[in-house]
N, C-alpha and C. Protein backbone atom coordinates (compact mmCIF):
# COMPACT_ATOMS: atom_id res chain seq x y z
N MET A 1 55.18 -19.92 -27.96
CA MET A 1 53.76 -19.75 -28.50
C MET A 1 52.85 -19.95 -27.60
N GLN A 2 53.38 -20.37 -26.30
CA GLN A 2 52.06 -20.50 -25.44
C GLN A 2 51.90 -19.26 -24.71
N GLN A 3 53.08 -18.27 -24.57
CA GLN A 3 53.12 -17.07 -24.20
C GLN A 3 51.99 -15.93 -25.00
N LYS A 4 52.33 -16.24 -26.24
CA LYS A 4 51.17 -15.55 -27.31
C LYS A 4 50.00 -15.63 -27.20
N SER A 5 49.37 -16.77 -26.96
CA SER A 5 48.17 -17.71 -26.73
C SER A 5 47.72 -17.03 -25.53
N LEU A 6 48.55 -17.02 -24.49
CA LEU A 6 47.89 -16.53 -23.08
C LEU A 6 47.63 -14.86 -23.16
N ALA A 7 48.68 -14.07 -23.99
CA ALA A 7 48.14 -12.78 -24.13
C ALA A 7 47.49 -12.56 -24.91
N ILE A 8 46.62 -13.25 -25.99
CA ILE A 8 45.67 -13.02 -26.79
C ILE A 8 44.06 -13.18 -25.74
N VAL A 9 44.66 -14.01 -24.60
CA VAL A 9 43.37 -14.24 -23.93
C VAL A 9 42.49 -12.91 -23.22
N PRO A 10 43.23 -12.44 -22.98
CA PRO A 10 42.90 -10.76 -22.32
C PRO A 10 42.11 -9.94 -23.31
N VAL A 11 42.69 -10.08 -24.40
CA VAL A 11 42.20 -9.40 -25.59
C VAL A 11 40.66 -9.90 -26.13
N VAL A 12 40.92 -10.89 -26.06
CA VAL A 12 39.19 -11.94 -26.79
C VAL A 12 38.07 -11.94 -25.63
N LEU A 13 38.83 -11.38 -24.29
CA LEU A 13 37.80 -11.13 -23.29
C LEU A 13 37.75 -9.81 -23.27
N SER A 14 38.38 -9.10 -23.54
CA SER A 14 38.27 -7.68 -23.61
C SER A 14 36.88 -7.42 -24.67
N VAL A 15 37.52 -7.49 -25.90
CA VAL A 15 36.48 -7.78 -27.23
C VAL A 15 35.23 -8.25 -26.89
N LEU A 16 35.21 -9.27 -25.69
CA LEU A 16 33.83 -10.09 -25.53
C LEU A 16 32.92 -9.07 -24.46
N VAL A 17 33.68 -8.48 -23.76
CA VAL A 17 32.90 -7.87 -22.64
C VAL A 17 32.49 -6.43 -23.48
N LEU A 18 33.13 -5.92 -24.35
CA LEU A 18 32.89 -4.69 -24.99
C LEU A 18 31.92 -5.03 -25.71
N ALA A 19 31.72 -6.36 -26.47
CA ALA A 19 30.77 -6.17 -27.23
C ALA A 19 29.19 -6.50 -26.38
N GLY A 20 29.49 -7.11 -25.23
CA GLY A 20 28.16 -6.96 -24.14
C GLY A 20 27.85 -5.66 -23.91
N VAL A 21 28.64 -5.03 -23.62
CA VAL A 21 28.42 -3.65 -22.95
C VAL A 21 27.59 -2.82 -24.28
N VAL A 22 27.99 -3.20 -25.68
CA VAL A 22 27.40 -2.32 -26.92
C VAL A 22 25.94 -3.17 -26.92
N TRP A 23 25.86 -4.48 -26.81
CA TRP A 23 24.55 -5.17 -27.01
C TRP A 23 23.54 -4.73 -26.06
N LEU A 24 23.99 -4.87 -24.47
CA LEU A 24 22.74 -4.11 -23.43
C LEU A 24 22.80 -2.68 -23.93
N GLY A 25 23.39 -1.95 -24.17
CA GLY A 25 23.25 -0.55 -24.85
C GLY A 25 22.32 -0.32 -25.64
N ILE A 26 22.23 -1.17 -26.55
CA ILE A 26 21.28 -1.15 -27.86
C ILE A 26 19.91 -1.71 -27.57
N SER A 27 19.78 -2.69 -26.65
CA SER A 27 18.81 -2.94 -25.97
C SER A 27 18.30 -2.27 -25.20
N ASN A 28 19.30 -1.52 -24.43
CA ASN A 28 18.44 -0.41 -23.16
C ASN A 28 17.92 0.66 -24.31
N TRP A 29 18.38 0.90 -25.10
CA TRP A 29 17.93 1.90 -26.42
C TRP A 29 16.65 1.75 -27.12
N GLN A 30 16.27 0.12 -27.14
CA GLN A 30 15.53 -0.03 -27.87
C GLN A 30 13.80 -0.14 -26.98
N LEU A 31 14.41 -0.62 -25.62
CA LEU A 31 13.19 -0.88 -24.79
C LEU A 31 12.75 0.73 -24.45
N LYS A 32 13.44 1.49 -24.34
CA LYS A 32 13.42 2.94 -23.80
C LYS A 32 12.41 3.24 -25.11
N ASN A 33 12.79 3.44 -26.17
CA ASN A 33 11.96 3.92 -26.98
C ASN A 33 10.63 3.20 -27.23
N GLU A 34 10.30 1.83 -26.87
CA GLU A 34 9.20 1.06 -26.65
C GLU A 34 8.26 1.64 -25.81
N LEU A 35 8.96 2.06 -24.54
CA LEU A 35 8.72 2.52 -23.41
C LEU A 35 7.92 3.94 -23.86
N ASP A 36 8.85 4.82 -24.64
CA ASP A 36 8.27 6.10 -24.89
C ASP A 36 6.81 6.08 -25.67
N GLU A 37 7.00 4.92 -26.75
CA GLU A 37 5.66 4.66 -27.50
C GLU A 37 4.40 4.66 -26.70
N LEU A 38 4.52 3.47 -26.13
CA LEU A 38 3.76 2.89 -25.13
C LEU A 38 2.96 4.54 -24.34
N LYS A 39 3.94 5.10 -23.51
CA LYS A 39 3.49 6.03 -22.79
C LYS A 39 2.81 7.31 -23.42
N GLN A 40 3.17 7.70 -24.89
CA GLN A 40 2.73 8.16 -26.24
C GLN A 40 1.08 7.93 -25.97
N GLN A 41 1.14 6.53 -26.13
CA GLN A 41 0.17 5.90 -26.74
C GLN A 41 -1.43 6.03 -25.62
N GLN A 42 -0.71 5.91 -24.45
CA GLN A 42 -1.48 5.95 -23.43
C GLN A 42 -2.01 7.18 -22.93
N SER A 43 -1.06 8.31 -23.39
CA SER A 43 -1.42 9.70 -23.35
C SER A 43 -2.74 10.24 -24.02
N LEU A 44 -2.86 9.14 -24.88
CA LEU A 44 -4.12 9.65 -25.91
C LEU A 44 -5.29 9.40 -24.95
N VAL A 45 -5.21 8.29 -24.54
CA VAL A 45 -6.36 7.97 -23.72
C VAL A 45 -6.45 8.38 -21.85
N THR A 46 -7.31 9.82 -22.00
CA THR A 46 -7.40 10.35 -20.91
C THR A 46 -8.28 9.49 -19.85
N PRO A 47 -8.08 9.28 -18.62
CA PRO A 47 -8.67 8.51 -17.48
C PRO A 47 -10.17 9.20 -17.47
N GLY A 48 -10.62 8.30 -17.10
CA GLY A 48 -12.23 8.39 -17.34
C GLY A 48 -13.20 8.36 -18.34
N THR A 49 -12.56 8.11 -19.29
CA THR A 49 -12.99 7.61 -20.60
C THR A 49 -12.59 6.35 -21.56
N SER A 50 -13.46 5.79 -21.93
CA SER A 50 -13.00 4.81 -22.60
C SER A 50 -12.04 4.94 -24.15
N GLN A 51 -11.63 3.85 -24.54
CA GLN A 51 -10.39 4.43 -25.34
C GLN A 51 -11.02 5.19 -26.54
N ARG A 52 -11.86 5.22 -26.95
CA ARG A 52 -12.53 6.01 -27.68
C ARG A 52 -12.99 7.53 -27.26
N GLY A 53 -13.56 7.62 -25.64
CA GLY A 53 -13.82 8.57 -25.34
C GLY A 53 -15.28 9.02 -25.60
N ASP A 54 -16.10 8.17 -26.14
CA ASP A 54 -17.65 8.52 -26.87
C ASP A 54 -18.38 8.13 -25.27
N PRO A 55 -18.93 9.00 -25.27
CA PRO A 55 -19.98 9.43 -24.00
C PRO A 55 -21.08 8.19 -24.20
N MET A 56 -21.70 7.57 -25.32
CA MET A 56 -22.38 6.59 -25.65
C MET A 56 -21.93 5.43 -25.48
N ASP A 57 -20.57 5.09 -25.22
CA ASP A 57 -19.80 4.18 -24.50
C ASP A 57 -20.48 3.56 -23.56
N PRO A 58 -21.14 2.28 -23.33
CA PRO A 58 -21.83 1.89 -22.14
C PRO A 58 -20.99 2.03 -20.85
N PHE A 59 -19.81 2.05 -21.10
CA PHE A 59 -18.61 1.66 -19.77
C PHE A 59 -18.42 3.39 -19.45
N TYR A 60 -18.40 4.38 -20.64
CA TYR A 60 -18.22 5.76 -20.48
C TYR A 60 -18.55 6.38 -18.92
N SER A 61 -19.49 6.19 -18.45
CA SER A 61 -20.56 6.52 -17.47
C SER A 61 -20.11 6.11 -16.22
N MET A 62 -20.12 4.68 -16.15
CA MET A 62 -19.31 4.11 -15.07
C MET A 62 -18.24 4.62 -14.75
N GLN A 63 -17.05 4.61 -15.84
CA GLN A 63 -15.79 4.63 -15.63
C GLN A 63 -15.80 6.22 -14.99
N LYS A 64 -16.73 7.13 -15.26
CA LYS A 64 -16.46 8.47 -15.04
C LYS A 64 -16.75 8.68 -13.28
N ARG A 65 -17.92 7.81 -13.42
CA ARG A 65 -18.30 8.18 -11.87
C ARG A 65 -17.38 7.09 -11.10
N MET A 66 -16.73 6.00 -11.46
CA MET A 66 -15.66 5.69 -10.63
C MET A 66 -14.50 6.61 -10.32
N ASP A 67 -14.47 7.12 -11.35
CA ASP A 67 -13.18 8.30 -11.35
C ASP A 67 -13.64 9.18 -10.00
N GLU A 68 -14.60 9.53 -10.36
CA GLU A 68 -15.33 10.71 -9.35
C GLU A 68 -15.08 10.26 -7.93
N MET A 69 -15.67 8.91 -7.74
CA MET A 69 -15.55 8.33 -6.37
C MET A 69 -13.97 7.99 -5.74
N MET A 70 -13.33 7.38 -6.57
CA MET A 70 -11.95 7.55 -6.17
C MET A 70 -11.13 8.74 -5.80
N GLN A 71 -11.86 9.96 -6.17
CA GLN A 71 -10.88 11.13 -6.09
C GLN A 71 -11.59 11.53 -5.00
N SER A 72 -13.03 11.47 -4.55
CA SER A 72 -13.17 11.46 -3.25
C SER A 72 -12.77 11.02 -2.46
N PHE A 73 -12.37 9.66 -2.54
CA PHE A 73 -11.69 8.86 -1.44
C PHE A 73 -10.27 9.18 -1.02
N SER A 74 -9.78 9.19 -1.80
CA SER A 74 -8.47 10.10 -1.85
C SER A 74 -8.24 11.32 -1.44
N SER A 75 -9.31 12.39 -1.51
CA SER A 75 -9.06 13.45 -0.87
C SER A 75 -9.70 13.57 0.57
N GLY A 76 -9.98 12.23 1.29
CA GLY A 76 -9.87 11.85 2.35
C GLY A 76 -11.71 12.18 2.90
N SER A 77 -12.54 12.56 1.86
CA SER A 77 -14.06 12.92 2.66
C SER A 77 -14.99 11.95 1.89
N PHE A 78 -14.36 11.15 1.30
CA PHE A 78 -15.27 9.82 1.04
C PHE A 78 -16.15 9.21 2.06
N PHE A 79 -16.08 8.91 2.88
CA PHE A 79 -16.15 8.56 4.29
C PHE A 79 -17.00 9.42 5.43
N ASN A 80 -16.34 10.54 5.56
CA ASN A 80 -16.76 11.36 6.54
C ASN A 80 -17.62 12.85 6.02
N GLY A 81 -17.88 13.03 4.46
CA GLY A 81 -18.70 14.02 4.19
C GLY A 81 -20.13 14.17 4.44
N PRO A 82 -20.59 15.22 4.33
CA PRO A 82 -22.00 15.47 4.83
C PRO A 82 -22.85 14.52 4.35
N ASP A 83 -22.66 14.31 2.90
CA ASP A 83 -23.72 13.54 1.84
C ASP A 83 -23.09 12.56 1.49
N ARG A 84 -22.61 11.71 2.48
CA ARG A 84 -21.72 10.46 2.11
C ARG A 84 -22.58 9.19 2.49
N PHE A 85 -22.51 7.99 1.91
CA PHE A 85 -23.11 7.04 2.42
C PHE A 85 -22.25 6.47 3.58
N PHE A 86 -21.49 6.37 3.82
CA PHE A 86 -20.36 5.62 5.02
C PHE A 86 -20.14 6.49 6.27
N ALA A 87 -21.05 7.47 6.23
CA ALA A 87 -20.50 8.15 7.29
C ALA A 87 -20.54 7.74 8.84
N THR A 88 -19.42 8.19 9.79
CA THR A 88 -19.63 7.20 10.75
C THR A 88 -20.16 8.21 12.02
N ALA A 89 -20.99 7.78 12.91
CA ALA A 89 -21.52 8.36 13.80
C ALA A 89 -21.04 8.47 15.41
N GLN A 90 -19.94 9.20 15.64
CA GLN A 90 -19.56 8.65 17.27
C GLN A 90 -20.04 10.09 17.94
N PRO A 91 -20.68 9.82 19.11
CA PRO A 91 -21.28 11.01 19.62
C PRO A 91 -19.89 11.69 20.62
N ALA A 92 -20.07 12.67 20.74
CA ALA A 92 -19.18 13.38 21.79
C ALA A 92 -19.29 13.18 23.11
N ILE A 93 -18.01 12.54 23.91
CA ILE A 93 -18.63 12.06 24.98
C ILE A 93 -17.20 12.59 26.16
N SER A 94 -18.39 13.26 27.17
CA SER A 94 -17.19 13.95 28.16
C SER A 94 -17.19 13.84 29.69
N MET A 95 -16.41 13.93 30.24
CA MET A 95 -16.19 13.19 31.92
C MET A 95 -16.40 14.56 32.73
N ARG A 96 -16.92 14.98 33.63
CA ARG A 96 -17.05 16.03 34.69
C ARG A 96 -16.83 15.49 36.02
N GLU A 97 -16.19 16.33 36.98
CA GLU A 97 -16.10 16.11 38.08
C GLU A 97 -16.16 16.87 39.30
N SER A 98 -17.10 16.78 40.16
CA SER A 98 -17.50 17.41 41.07
C SER A 98 -17.04 17.09 42.83
N LYS A 99 -17.28 17.65 43.59
CA LYS A 99 -16.74 17.23 44.83
C LYS A 99 -17.48 15.85 45.68
N ASP A 100 -18.31 15.77 44.84
CA ASP A 100 -19.10 14.63 45.39
C ASP A 100 -19.53 13.42 44.28
N ARG A 101 -19.21 13.61 42.79
CA ARG A 101 -19.71 13.11 41.73
C ARG A 101 -18.88 12.94 40.61
N TYR A 102 -18.79 12.12 39.64
CA TYR A 102 -18.84 12.28 38.44
C TYR A 102 -19.82 11.81 37.80
N GLN A 103 -20.05 12.86 36.58
CA GLN A 103 -20.52 12.71 35.45
C GLN A 103 -19.89 12.54 34.05
N VAL A 104 -20.57 11.57 33.39
CA VAL A 104 -20.26 11.35 32.16
C VAL A 104 -21.54 11.53 30.99
N VAL A 105 -20.95 12.73 30.23
CA VAL A 105 -22.15 13.12 29.25
C VAL A 105 -21.98 12.76 27.90
N ILE A 106 -23.04 12.44 27.31
CA ILE A 106 -22.85 11.81 25.77
C ILE A 106 -23.75 12.52 24.84
N GLU A 107 -23.27 13.15 24.15
CA GLU A 107 -24.28 13.89 23.47
C GLU A 107 -24.86 13.64 22.34
N ILE A 108 -26.18 13.35 22.10
CA ILE A 108 -26.68 12.58 21.01
C ILE A 108 -26.97 13.93 19.79
N PRO A 109 -26.09 14.01 18.75
CA PRO A 109 -26.34 14.56 17.62
C PRO A 109 -27.72 14.69 17.08
N ASP A 110 -28.29 15.92 16.52
CA ASP A 110 -29.72 15.87 15.79
C ASP A 110 -30.23 14.68 14.89
N GLY A 111 -31.42 14.03 14.91
CA GLY A 111 -31.85 13.09 14.04
C GLY A 111 -30.84 11.72 14.09
N GLN A 112 -30.50 11.21 15.34
CA GLN A 112 -29.79 10.32 15.67
C GLN A 112 -30.33 9.50 17.09
N ASN A 113 -30.57 8.02 17.31
CA ASN A 113 -30.79 7.52 18.24
C ASN A 113 -29.75 6.84 18.63
N VAL A 114 -29.63 6.90 19.98
CA VAL A 114 -28.16 6.43 20.70
C VAL A 114 -28.89 4.79 21.87
N GLU A 115 -28.09 3.83 21.34
CA GLU A 115 -28.38 2.75 21.98
C GLU A 115 -27.72 2.40 23.18
N LEU A 116 -27.81 2.33 24.61
CA LEU A 116 -26.34 2.74 25.70
C LEU A 116 -26.35 1.63 26.37
N ASN A 117 -24.84 0.91 26.84
CA ASN A 117 -25.27 -0.28 27.58
C ASN A 117 -23.54 0.36 28.37
N THR A 118 -23.91 0.29 29.48
CA THR A 118 -22.89 0.55 30.70
C THR A 118 -22.57 -0.51 32.05
N ASP A 119 -21.44 -0.72 31.78
CA ASP A 119 -21.02 -1.62 32.61
C ASP A 119 -19.98 -0.98 33.76
N LEU A 120 -20.32 -1.24 35.07
CA LEU A 120 -18.83 -0.77 36.10
C LEU A 120 -18.67 -1.47 36.64
N ASP A 121 -17.23 -1.84 36.84
CA ASP A 121 -16.44 -2.90 37.18
C ASP A 121 -15.40 -1.56 37.83
N GLU A 122 -15.54 -2.01 39.63
CA GLU A 122 -14.59 -1.36 40.40
C GLU A 122 -14.56 0.00 40.09
N ASN A 123 -13.32 0.50 39.64
CA ASN A 123 -12.93 1.76 39.25
C ASN A 123 -13.41 2.24 37.90
N ARG A 124 -13.73 1.36 37.06
CA ARG A 124 -13.81 1.81 35.42
C ARG A 124 -15.32 1.74 35.22
N LEU A 125 -15.62 2.38 34.31
CA LEU A 125 -17.23 2.64 33.83
C LEU A 125 -16.54 2.36 32.27
N TRP A 126 -17.51 1.26 31.53
CA TRP A 126 -17.66 1.09 30.15
C TRP A 126 -18.93 1.29 29.52
N ILE A 127 -18.48 2.14 28.60
CA ILE A 127 -19.82 2.47 27.68
C ILE A 127 -19.85 2.04 26.64
N SER A 128 -20.31 1.44 25.76
CA SER A 128 -20.78 1.00 24.50
C SER A 128 -21.97 1.17 23.92
N GLY A 129 -22.53 1.06 22.79
CA GLY A 129 -23.60 1.36 22.18
C GLY A 129 -23.29 1.46 20.53
N GLU A 130 -24.85 1.95 20.32
CA GLU A 130 -24.81 2.04 18.69
C GLU A 130 -25.86 3.59 18.55
N VAL A 131 -24.97 3.97 17.18
CA VAL A 131 -25.98 5.45 17.02
C VAL A 131 -26.44 4.87 15.41
N GLN A 132 -27.85 5.12 15.53
CA GLN A 132 -28.45 4.90 14.36
C GLN A 132 -29.22 6.14 13.66
N SER A 133 -28.66 6.58 12.48
CA SER A 133 -29.10 7.84 12.01
C SER A 133 -29.83 7.31 10.64
N LYS A 134 -30.89 8.29 9.93
CA LYS A 134 -31.88 8.11 9.15
C LYS A 134 -31.75 9.46 8.36
N GLN A 135 -31.54 9.51 7.00
CA GLN A 135 -31.75 10.78 6.08
C GLN A 135 -32.08 10.62 4.95
N ASN A 136 -33.02 11.53 4.70
CA ASN A 136 -33.74 11.37 3.36
C ASN A 136 -32.79 12.36 2.11
N GLN A 137 -32.20 11.76 1.19
CA GLN A 137 -31.53 12.79 0.53
C GLN A 137 -32.12 12.73 -0.88
N SER A 138 -32.48 13.95 -1.40
CA SER A 138 -33.11 14.14 -2.71
C SER A 138 -31.95 14.32 -3.59
N SER A 139 -32.19 14.07 -5.03
CA SER A 139 -31.16 14.15 -6.24
C SER A 139 -32.14 13.95 -7.34
N ALA A 140 -31.42 14.44 -8.65
CA ALA A 140 -32.25 14.42 -9.86
C ALA A 140 -33.14 13.42 -9.97
N ARG A 141 -32.66 12.24 -9.82
CA ARG A 141 -33.11 10.79 -10.14
C ARG A 141 -34.25 10.37 -9.48
N GLY A 142 -34.31 10.87 -7.83
CA GLY A 142 -35.13 10.85 -7.08
C GLY A 142 -34.93 11.03 -5.45
N GLN A 143 -35.71 10.21 -4.64
CA GLN A 143 -35.30 10.42 -3.08
C GLN A 143 -34.67 9.26 -2.77
N ILE A 144 -33.72 9.17 -2.11
CA ILE A 144 -32.97 8.19 -1.26
C ILE A 144 -33.15 8.33 0.03
N ASP A 145 -33.24 7.06 0.46
CA ASP A 145 -33.39 7.04 1.96
C ASP A 145 -32.31 6.24 2.48
N VAL A 146 -31.21 7.05 3.39
CA VAL A 146 -30.10 6.40 4.18
C VAL A 146 -30.06 6.27 5.23
N SER A 147 -29.97 4.80 6.00
CA SER A 147 -29.42 4.51 7.30
C SER A 147 -28.24 4.12 7.43
N ASN A 148 -27.96 4.82 8.74
CA ASN A 148 -26.52 4.29 8.95
C ASN A 148 -26.47 3.73 10.72
N LEU A 149 -25.90 2.86 10.61
CA LEU A 149 -25.68 2.48 12.05
C LEU A 149 -24.14 2.56 12.59
N SER A 150 -23.83 3.00 13.53
CA SER A 150 -22.41 2.84 13.90
C SER A 150 -22.12 2.34 15.05
N ARG A 151 -21.04 1.77 15.77
CA ARG A 151 -21.18 1.30 17.05
C ARG A 151 -19.85 1.91 17.62
N PHE A 152 -19.89 1.99 18.96
CA PHE A 152 -18.64 2.77 19.81
C PHE A 152 -18.72 2.15 21.04
N SER A 153 -17.62 2.49 21.77
CA SER A 153 -17.05 2.29 22.92
C SER A 153 -16.25 3.36 23.52
N ARG A 154 -16.46 3.21 25.00
CA ARG A 154 -15.39 4.07 25.80
C ARG A 154 -15.12 3.79 27.08
N SER A 155 -14.38 3.96 27.90
CA SER A 155 -14.20 3.46 29.30
C SER A 155 -13.59 4.69 29.89
N PHE A 156 -13.80 4.96 31.08
CA PHE A 156 -13.25 5.82 31.82
C PHE A 156 -12.97 5.13 33.41
N TYR A 157 -11.91 5.69 33.46
CA TYR A 157 -11.04 5.35 35.15
C TYR A 157 -11.42 5.91 35.92
N PHE A 158 -12.09 6.09 37.24
CA PHE A 158 -12.05 7.20 38.46
C PHE A 158 -10.88 6.45 39.30
N PRO A 159 -10.43 7.61 39.55
CA PRO A 159 -9.09 7.53 40.58
C PRO A 159 -9.70 7.29 41.59
N GLU A 160 -10.84 7.58 42.61
CA GLU A 160 -11.05 7.62 43.81
C GLU A 160 -12.36 6.50 43.82
N ASP A 161 -12.25 5.94 44.92
CA ASP A 161 -13.57 5.01 45.23
C ASP A 161 -14.75 5.83 44.80
N ILE A 162 -15.55 5.04 44.36
CA ILE A 162 -17.01 5.30 43.64
C ILE A 162 -17.75 4.35 44.33
N ASP A 163 -19.33 4.86 44.37
CA ASP A 163 -20.60 3.94 45.00
C ASP A 163 -21.31 3.60 43.54
N PRO A 164 -21.03 2.46 43.49
CA PRO A 164 -21.78 1.76 42.02
C PRO A 164 -23.30 1.76 42.12
N ALA A 165 -23.70 1.47 43.30
CA ALA A 165 -25.36 1.16 43.73
C ALA A 165 -25.65 2.55 43.53
N GLY A 166 -25.12 3.52 43.33
CA GLY A 166 -25.66 5.12 43.42
C GLY A 166 -25.83 5.81 41.67
N MET A 167 -25.04 4.70 41.01
CA MET A 167 -25.07 5.14 39.74
C MET A 167 -26.79 5.41 39.05
N HIS A 168 -27.03 6.38 38.33
CA HIS A 168 -27.76 6.40 37.48
C HIS A 168 -27.86 7.39 36.14
N THR A 169 -28.72 7.31 35.44
CA THR A 169 -28.69 7.53 34.26
C THR A 169 -29.80 8.73 33.56
N GLU A 170 -30.04 9.66 33.27
CA GLU A 170 -30.69 10.82 32.64
C GLU A 170 -30.43 10.79 31.35
N GLU A 171 -31.66 10.92 30.68
CA GLU A 171 -31.70 10.99 29.23
C GLU A 171 -32.76 12.30 28.86
N SER A 172 -32.02 13.00 27.75
CA SER A 172 -32.75 14.14 27.39
C SER A 172 -32.30 14.13 25.77
N ASP A 173 -33.35 14.73 24.99
CA ASP A 173 -33.16 14.88 23.80
C ASP A 173 -31.79 15.07 22.83
N GLU A 174 -30.93 15.93 23.78
CA GLU A 174 -29.71 16.42 23.35
C GLU A 174 -28.56 15.59 23.85
N GLU A 175 -28.67 15.02 25.17
CA GLU A 175 -27.51 14.53 25.84
C GLU A 175 -27.82 12.99 26.61
N ILE A 176 -27.22 12.26 27.26
CA ILE A 176 -27.54 11.31 28.13
C ILE A 176 -26.50 11.37 29.29
N THR A 177 -26.60 11.56 30.45
CA THR A 177 -25.77 12.01 31.49
C THR A 177 -26.05 10.63 32.72
N ILE A 178 -24.47 10.11 32.66
CA ILE A 178 -24.12 9.03 33.77
C ILE A 178 -23.25 9.50 34.89
N THR A 179 -24.18 9.74 36.23
CA THR A 179 -23.58 9.95 37.22
C THR A 179 -23.20 8.74 38.40
N ILE A 180 -22.17 9.15 38.77
CA ILE A 180 -21.60 7.93 39.60
C ILE A 180 -21.07 9.08 40.91
N PRO A 181 -21.82 8.65 42.06
CA PRO A 181 -21.19 9.17 43.19
C PRO A 181 -20.20 8.60 43.46
N LYS A 182 -19.34 9.31 44.37
CA LYS A 182 -18.18 9.09 45.10
C LYS A 182 -18.43 8.67 46.70
N LYS A 183 -17.48 7.91 47.17
CA LYS A 183 -17.95 7.49 48.44
C LYS A 183 -17.26 8.53 49.27
């Protein structure tokens, strides 16, 4: 009798496992159908519109503008496009070397002001500064004055001994030139 009851245990366990698998399959099917139904409902609402898509809805234009801004942002042009408010201004900085001196040239873009700080420590020149630009932009709604302030810093190492006392700076409309004589 005990052998018969022991033989029934695997059968009962198999039936329970099979019932669990069937229940999981049915639950999965129901969840999939609910998910498909939700996806279909969401596809009826297009991005950039309210649930009704009514242009008279107060949030319609705001949502549309936000979508345009996010598309700009994802395309990589939001911060550096020519007409963006958050454009950064980094002047081009180059170094020239001649037989008797080094020259560091900072180009000043049109319509921008550069405030420059320099520090010469041993054979390293530290340059930092601020670039300020102002633009007037016209739109259908009126004129917008845009100001931008960016900070930058660079350092240059000179492999030869230099004469710190002979360092001088020349400024023109297009560039700032820092000249450092060699020893």
